[in-house]
Amino acid sequence: MRAERRRETGADEGKAPSLSRAAHRAMGTEFTAYIDGCAEAQARACFQSLFEEIDRVEQTFSRFRPASEVARINRLAGDGPMVTDPEVFNLMAAAQKLSRNTAGVFDITVGRLTRTWGFAERAPHLPEAQELKEAEAATGWQYLELDPVWRTVQFLRPGMELDLGGIAKGYAVDCALCVLRAAGMHGVIDAGSSSIAATDGDFAHDWTVEIANPANDAAPVCELCLGDRALSTSGAKEQSFRKAGRVYSHLIDPTASGLEAGAPTRQVLQATVLAPTSMLADALSTAMFLLGQERGSAVLAEFPDCSALWVYSEGEGVQCRAHHWPLADWR
């Protein structure tokens, strides 16, 4: 699902664009970078540096890469406490805090569950009840033990597996923006359907983002100026399947039980979050999709700098519900 499309202010009036653009495939999506007003050679060098940084994040956090630190943790943390590097530890600690704040709906220990449902291998299917029960028993953020003194991680239940897919893309956007800022550049990083953010609010003040309508690609539900906020959208359109009249999504609620764990909660089609960082927006958009507007708004009371927009199915169309969303003129 491509939730954001952007355009440069003035393009419709025929003004020449001042942006350099480059795209790079990583983390299962296409990252697109836009850099403002610099020479071609300087832009190329900057693109190379920020895409190398995104690749580094993937090589560190992808559970599908055998040499990654997360893959090493998945292999060894069930045998006892193991030391990990500061970056990985800090992101796990941030994720665990978000698990507490979202009543466990956002959870990086869902790796076994996503494998059981087949989403990890892009071959989704309805699992057997016993297989699902075993995967649920190997899931739970409270069974991920982090020791900040020794910087160790340990799984307290057998068979646990980390999956940082709900936060790592947003983190990669933040890291890429740091590369741009360090080079003194102004720009935007777009992680496809995951996150979009800019180096600074002044540059992004006129950067328009359209929030897609999951029921009608030709009619976005609203648009807004990005400004100094990061935006992330989570939805079921891209990775889901239908079985016996029910839609099952890759966005799995680990607090649910049985086969309901794979179903979109309360017919939410999509959830979009605005937050100070892409990492936070990425994680919270997943949580908001699973929680829905009522429970999600209660959670967001703990995040005063964040806003959310939910898109629900409504007959043949959609209905939008919001929490502190900056616009009230959605369609």
Protein backbone atom coordinates (compact mmCIF):
# COMPACT_ATOMS: atom_id res chain seq x y z
CA MET A 1 0.00 0.00 0.00
CA ARG A 2 1.43 3.34 -1.04
CA ALA A 3 0.01 5.79 1.46
CA GLU A 4 1.88 8.97 0.56
CA ARG A 5 2.47 10.86 -2.62
CA ARG A 6 4.35 14.07 -2.51
CA ARG A 7 4.90 17.02 -4.81
CA GLU A 8 7.06 20.13 -4.68
CA THR A 9 5.21 23.39 -4.14
CA GLY A 10 5.27 25.39 -7.35
CA ALA A 11 5.47 22.41 -9.68
CA ASP A 12 1.92 22.97 -10.85
CA GLU A 13 2.81 26.53 -11.86
CA GLY A 14 5.59 25.31 -14.15
CA LYS A 15 8.49 26.29 -11.93
CA ALA A 16 11.67 24.28 -12.36
CA PRO A 17 12.17 21.86 -9.50
CA SER A 18 15.25 22.38 -7.34
CA LEU A 19 15.29 18.86 -5.92
CA SER A 20 17.69 16.05 -6.65
CA ARG A 21 16.07 12.63 -6.38
CA ALA A 22 17.36 9.07 -6.04
CA ALA A 23 15.81 5.75 -5.07
CA HIS A 24 17.23 2.64 -3.42
CA ARG A 25 15.73 -0.76 -2.65
CA ALA A 26 16.21 -1.94 0.94
CA MET A 27 14.28 -3.51 3.82
CA GLY A 28 11.62 -4.85 1.47
CA THR A 29 10.63 -1.43 0.18
CA GLU A 30 11.91 1.43 -1.96
CA PHE A 31 13.52 4.34 -0.15
CA THR A 32 13.39 7.60 -2.09
CA ALA A 33 15.54 10.55 -1.08
CA TYR A 34 15.07 14.16 -2.13
CA ILE A 35 17.83 16.72 -1.57
CA ASP A 36 17.29 20.43 -2.05
CA GLY A 37 19.43 22.82 -4.07
CA CYS A 38 22.91 21.28 -4.35
CA ALA A 39 25.32 20.46 -7.15
CA GLU A 40 24.91 17.13 -8.93
CA ALA A 41 28.21 15.67 -7.71
CA GLN A 42 27.46 16.70 -4.13
CA ALA A 43 23.98 15.18 -4.34
CA ARG A 44 25.37 11.89 -5.68
CA ALA A 45 27.85 11.64 -2.83
CA CYS A 46 25.16 12.39 -0.28
CA PHE A 47 22.76 9.86 -1.79
CA GLN A 48 25.47 7.22 -1.62
CA SER A 49 26.17 7.97 2.05
CA LEU A 50 22.56 7.94 3.18
CA PHE A 51 21.71 4.77 1.23
CA GLU A 52 24.78 3.08 2.71
CA GLU A 53 23.42 4.05 6.13
CA ILE A 54 20.04 2.50 5.32
CA ASP A 55 21.81 -0.68 4.17
CA ARG A 56 23.78 -0.71 7.43
CA VAL A 57 20.55 -0.53 9.43
CA GLU A 58 19.12 -3.41 7.42
CA GLN A 59 22.27 -5.48 7.85
CA THR A 60 22.06 -4.88 11.60
CA PHE A 61 18.34 -5.38 12.27
CA SER A 62 17.03 -7.79 9.62
CA ARG A 63 16.21 -11.17 11.08
CA PHE A 64 16.44 -12.61 7.57
CA ARG A 65 20.15 -11.88 7.24
CA PRO A 66 22.13 -14.62 9.02
CA ALA A 67 25.01 -12.25 9.81
CA SER A 68 22.83 -9.55 11.37
CA GLU A 69 22.93 -8.82 15.08
CA VAL A 70 19.20 -9.52 15.41
CA ALA A 71 19.63 -12.91 13.73
CA ARG A 72 22.44 -13.67 16.18
CA ILE A 73 20.20 -12.72 19.10
CA ASN A 74 17.43 -14.96 17.74
CA ARG A 75 19.89 -17.87 17.62
CA LEU A 76 21.52 -17.40 21.01
CA ALA A 77 19.37 -15.39 23.44
CA GLY A 78 17.30 -18.42 24.39
CA ASP A 79 20.41 -20.05 25.89
CA GLY A 80 21.07 -17.28 28.40
CA PRO A 81 22.02 -13.59 28.65
CA MET A 82 24.13 -12.38 25.74
CA VAL A 83 25.82 -9.03 25.23
CA THR A 84 24.72 -6.99 22.23
CA ASP A 85 25.91 -3.69 20.81
CA PRO A 86 24.62 -0.35 22.13
CA GLU A 87 22.58 0.56 19.04
CA VAL A 88 20.65 -2.70 18.98
CA PHE A 89 20.14 -2.68 22.73
CA ASN A 90 18.83 0.89 22.67
CA LEU A 91 16.32 0.17 19.89
CA MET A 92 15.09 -2.95 21.70
CA ALA A 93 14.72 -0.94 24.90
CA ALA A 94 12.73 1.74 23.06
CA ALA A 95 10.52 -0.96 21.54
CA GLN A 96 9.94 -2.57 24.92
CA LYS A 97 8.88 0.78 26.38
CA LEU A 98 6.40 1.16 23.53
CA SER A 99 5.07 -2.31 24.32
CA ARG A 100 4.33 -1.18 27.87
CA ASN A 101 2.68 2.01 26.63
CA THR A 102 0.49 0.18 24.10
CA ALA A 103 -0.64 -2.63 26.42
CA GLY A 104 1.51 -5.09 24.50
CA VAL A 105 -0.08 -4.53 21.09
CA PHE A 106 3.23 -3.31 19.66
CA ASP A 107 5.65 -6.16 20.30
CA ILE A 108 8.97 -7.01 18.63
CA THR A 109 8.78 -10.62 19.87
CA VAL A 110 6.16 -11.53 17.23
CA GLY A 111 8.69 -13.24 14.96
CA ARG A 112 7.39 -16.73 15.65
CA LEU A 113 3.81 -15.57 15.02
CA THR A 114 4.58 -13.94 11.67
CA ARG A 115 6.36 -17.12 10.59
CA THR A 116 3.42 -19.24 11.69
CA TRP A 117 1.01 -17.16 9.63
CA GLY A 118 3.41 -17.34 6.67
CA PHE A 119 3.82 -13.58 6.32
CA ALA A 120 7.58 -13.75 6.95
CA GLU A 121 8.01 -15.84 3.80
CA ARG A 122 5.33 -13.93 1.84
CA ALA A 123 3.26 -17.13 1.73
CA PRO A 124 0.39 -16.30 4.13
CA HIS A 125 -1.98 -19.05 5.16
CA LEU A 126 -4.31 -20.07 7.96
CA PRO A 127 -2.22 -21.99 10.54
CA GLU A 128 -3.28 -25.07 12.42
CA ALA A 129 -4.66 -24.33 15.90
CA GLN A 130 -1.86 -26.23 17.69
CA GLU A 131 0.83 -24.52 15.63
CA LEU A 132 -0.67 -21.13 16.46
CA LYS A 133 -0.89 -21.98 20.16
CA GLU A 134 2.81 -22.87 20.22
CA ALA A 135 3.71 -19.61 18.46
CA GLU A 136 1.66 -17.59 20.93
CA ALA A 137 3.48 -19.31 23.80
CA ALA A 138 6.77 -18.09 22.29
CA THR A 139 5.60 -14.47 22.11
CA GLY A 140 5.48 -11.70 24.70
CA TRP A 141 7.50 -8.53 25.24
CA GLN A 142 7.57 -9.18 28.99
CA TYR A 143 9.63 -12.32 28.31
CA LEU A 144 12.35 -10.29 26.60
CA GLU A 145 14.79 -9.51 29.43
CA LEU A 146 17.06 -6.52 28.88
CA ASP A 147 19.80 -5.68 31.38
CA PRO A 148 21.00 -2.07 30.87
CA VAL A 149 23.94 -2.51 33.27
CA TRP A 150 25.52 -5.39 31.34
CA ARG A 151 23.79 -4.57 28.05
CA THR A 152 22.51 -8.11 27.72
CA VAL A 153 19.39 -9.62 26.17
CA GLN A 154 17.77 -12.94 27.05
CA PHE A 155 14.64 -14.79 25.99
CA LEU A 156 12.75 -16.13 28.99
CA ARG A 157 10.58 -18.45 26.90
CA PRO A 158 11.81 -21.08 24.45
CA GLY A 159 11.36 -20.50 20.75
CA MET A 160 11.11 -16.70 20.93
CA GLU A 161 12.12 -14.70 17.88
CA LEU A 162 12.53 -10.97 17.39
CA ASP A 163 10.96 -9.16 14.44
CA LEU A 164 11.75 -5.43 14.33
CA GLY A 165 9.88 -4.87 11.07
CA GLY A 166 7.40 -2.57 12.80
CA ILE A 167 10.05 -0.08 13.89
CA ALA A 168 13.27 -0.59 11.90
CA LYS A 169 12.19 1.18 8.70
CA GLY A 170 11.25 4.27 10.66
CA TYR A 171 14.56 4.06 12.50
CA ALA A 172 16.36 3.80 9.13
CA VAL A 173 14.63 7.00 7.98
CA ASP A 174 15.82 8.78 11.13
CA CYS A 175 19.37 7.54 10.55
CA ALA A 176 19.32 8.67 6.92
CA LEU A 177 18.10 12.11 7.96
CA CYS A 178 21.05 12.33 10.36
CA VAL A 179 23.36 11.78 7.39
CA LEU A 180 21.69 14.63 5.50
CA ARG A 181 21.85 16.97 8.48
CA ALA A 182 25.51 16.14 9.11
CA ALA A 183 26.24 17.13 5.50
CA GLY A 184 24.36 20.39 5.94
CA MET A 185 21.67 19.33 3.48
CA HIS A 186 17.92 19.84 3.44
CA GLY A 187 15.76 17.01 2.20
CA VAL A 188 13.12 14.34 2.62
CA ILE A 189 13.40 10.57 3.04
CA ASP A 190 10.44 8.46 1.97
CA ALA A 191 10.35 4.76 2.90
CA GLY A 192 7.55 3.80 0.53
CA SER A 193 4.45 2.75 2.44
CA SER A 194 6.19 2.95 5.80
CA SER A 195 7.42 6.43 6.72
CA ILE A 196 8.25 9.85 5.37
CA ALA A 197 10.10 12.65 7.15
CA ALA A 198 12.21 15.73 6.45
CA THR A 199 15.44 17.12 7.81
CA ASP A 200 13.71 20.24 9.09
CA GLY A 201 10.35 21.92 9.27
CA ASP A 202 11.33 25.02 7.30
CA PHE A 203 12.24 22.95 4.25
CA ALA A 204 9.17 20.71 4.55
CA HIS A 205 6.70 23.51 5.30
CA ASP A 206 5.32 23.38 1.75
CA TRP A 207 5.82 19.64 1.26
CA THR A 208 2.37 18.20 0.64
CA VAL A 209 1.56 14.62 1.60
CA GLU A 210 -1.60 12.85 0.50
CA ILE A 211 -3.05 10.12 2.72
CA ALA A 212 -4.32 7.38 0.44
CA ASN A 213 -7.81 5.95 0.50
CA PRO A 214 -7.43 2.15 0.80
CA ALA A 215 -10.81 1.70 -0.86
CA ASN A 216 -10.22 4.12 -3.76
CA ASP A 217 -6.73 4.90 -5.04
CA ALA A 218 -8.02 7.86 -7.04
CA ALA A 219 -9.51 9.70 -4.04
CA PRO A 220 -7.09 10.31 -1.12
CA VAL A 221 -8.79 10.84 2.21
CA CYS A 222 -6.88 14.05 2.96
CA GLU A 223 -3.66 15.94 2.44
CA LEU A 224 -1.44 17.93 4.77
CA CYS A 225 1.87 19.73 4.97
CA LEU A 226 4.59 17.51 6.37
CA GLY A 227 6.46 20.22 8.26
CA ASP A 228 8.75 19.02 11.03
CA ARG A 229 6.70 15.87 11.70
CA ALA A 230 7.35 12.30 10.63
CA LEU A 231 4.44 10.41 9.10
CA SER A 232 3.83 6.68 8.95
CA THR A 233 0.92 4.61 7.65
CA SER A 234 0.05 0.99 8.46
CA GLY A 235 -2.61 -0.99 6.65
CA ALA A 236 -3.72 -4.41 5.54
CA LYS A 237 -3.98 -3.85 1.80
CA GLU A 238 -0.51 -5.03 0.72
CA GLN A 239 -0.02 -8.06 2.96
CA SER A 240 -3.28 -9.85 3.68
CA PHE A 241 -5.40 -12.73 2.53
CA ARG A 242 -9.06 -13.66 2.69
CA LYS A 243 -10.33 -16.96 4.06
CA ALA A 244 -13.96 -17.90 4.71
CA GLY A 245 -15.05 -14.28 4.38
CA ARG A 246 -12.45 -12.93 6.82
CA VAL A 247 -9.42 -10.81 5.97
CA TYR A 248 -6.18 -11.77 7.76
CA SER A 249 -3.36 -9.21 7.90
CA HIS A 250 0.39 -9.26 8.54
CA LEU A 251 -0.32 -6.78 11.34
CA ILE A 252 -0.83 -9.31 14.11
CA ASP A 253 -2.15 -8.44 17.55
CA PRO A 254 -0.08 -10.54 19.97
CA THR A 255 -2.53 -9.83 22.79
CA ALA A 256 -5.40 -11.51 20.94
CA SER A 257 -5.93 -15.23 21.07
CA GLY A 258 -6.65 -17.86 18.47
CA LEU A 259 -7.32 -17.07 14.84
CA GLU A 260 -8.59 -13.59 15.66
CA ALA A 261 -4.94 -12.57 16.05
CA GLY A 262 -4.55 -12.23 12.31
CA ALA A 263 -7.68 -10.23 11.56
CA PRO A 264 -7.89 -6.45 11.21
CA THR A 265 -9.39 -5.10 14.43
CA ARG A 266 -12.86 -3.53 14.15
CA GLN A 267 -12.59 -3.26 10.35
CA VAL A 268 -9.77 -0.73 10.47
CA LEU A 269 -8.37 -0.46 6.95
CA GLN A 270 -5.53 1.91 7.69
CA ALA A 271 -3.94 3.99 10.45
CA THR A 272 -1.64 6.97 9.97
CA VAL A 273 0.42 8.61 12.70
CA LEU A 274 2.26 11.93 12.90
CA ALA A 275 5.09 11.92 15.45
CA PRO A 276 8.35 13.73 16.24
CA THR A 277 10.47 10.86 14.84
CA SER A 278 9.99 8.26 12.14
CA MET A 279 10.85 5.49 14.57
CA LEU A 280 7.98 6.50 16.84
CA ALA A 281 5.56 7.10 13.97
CA ASP A 282 6.38 3.69 12.47
CA ALA A 283 5.78 1.80 15.70
CA LEU A 284 2.67 3.73 16.71
CA SER A 285 0.98 3.38 13.32
CA THR A 286 1.12 -0.40 13.77
CA ALA A 287 -0.31 -0.10 17.28
CA MET A 288 -3.04 2.31 16.19
CA PHE A 289 -4.12 -0.03 13.39
CA LEU A 290 -4.52 -2.86 15.88
CA LEU A 291 -6.10 -0.80 18.65
CA GLY A 292 -8.59 1.21 16.61
CA GLN A 293 -9.66 4.77 17.34
CA GLU A 294 -11.21 4.39 20.78
CA ARG A 295 -8.44 2.41 22.46
CA GLY A 296 -5.78 4.08 20.34
CA SER A 297 -6.79 7.57 21.44
CA ALA A 298 -6.46 6.48 25.07
CA VAL A 299 -2.92 5.26 24.37
CA LEU A 300 -2.01 8.44 22.50
CA ALA A 301 -2.89 10.47 25.61
CA GLU A 302 0.61 9.39 26.73
CA PHE A 303 2.08 10.84 23.51
CA PRO A 304 0.99 14.51 23.42
CA ASP A 305 3.17 15.28 20.37
CA CYS A 306 1.48 12.59 18.24
CA SER A 307 -1.66 12.56 16.09
CA ALA A 308 -3.50 9.74 14.36
CA LEU A 309 -6.01 9.21 11.57
CA TRP A 310 -7.91 5.94 11.19
CA VAL A 311 -9.71 4.82 8.04
CA TYR A 312 -12.59 2.39 8.62
CA SER A 313 -14.67 0.52 6.08
CA GLU A 314 -18.13 2.04 5.73
CA GLY A 315 -20.44 0.28 3.28
CA GLU A 316 -18.84 0.70 -0.14
CA GLY A 317 -16.69 3.58 1.08
CA VAL A 318 -14.67 4.62 4.12
CA GLN A 319 -15.09 6.62 7.30
CA CYS A 320 -12.27 8.56 8.98
CA ARG A 321 -11.78 9.02 12.70
CA ALA A 322 -9.05 11.10 14.26
CA HIS A 323 -7.06 11.95 17.35
CA HIS A 324 -5.66 15.50 17.31
CA TRP A 325 -5.27 15.29 13.55
CA PRO A 326 -4.19 18.70 12.15
CA LEU A 327 -6.85 18.71 9.44
CA ALA A 328 -10.60 18.28 9.65
CA ASP A 329 -11.37 18.43 5.92
CA TRP A 330 -10.85 14.80 4.97
CA ARG A 331 -13.10 13.51 2.25
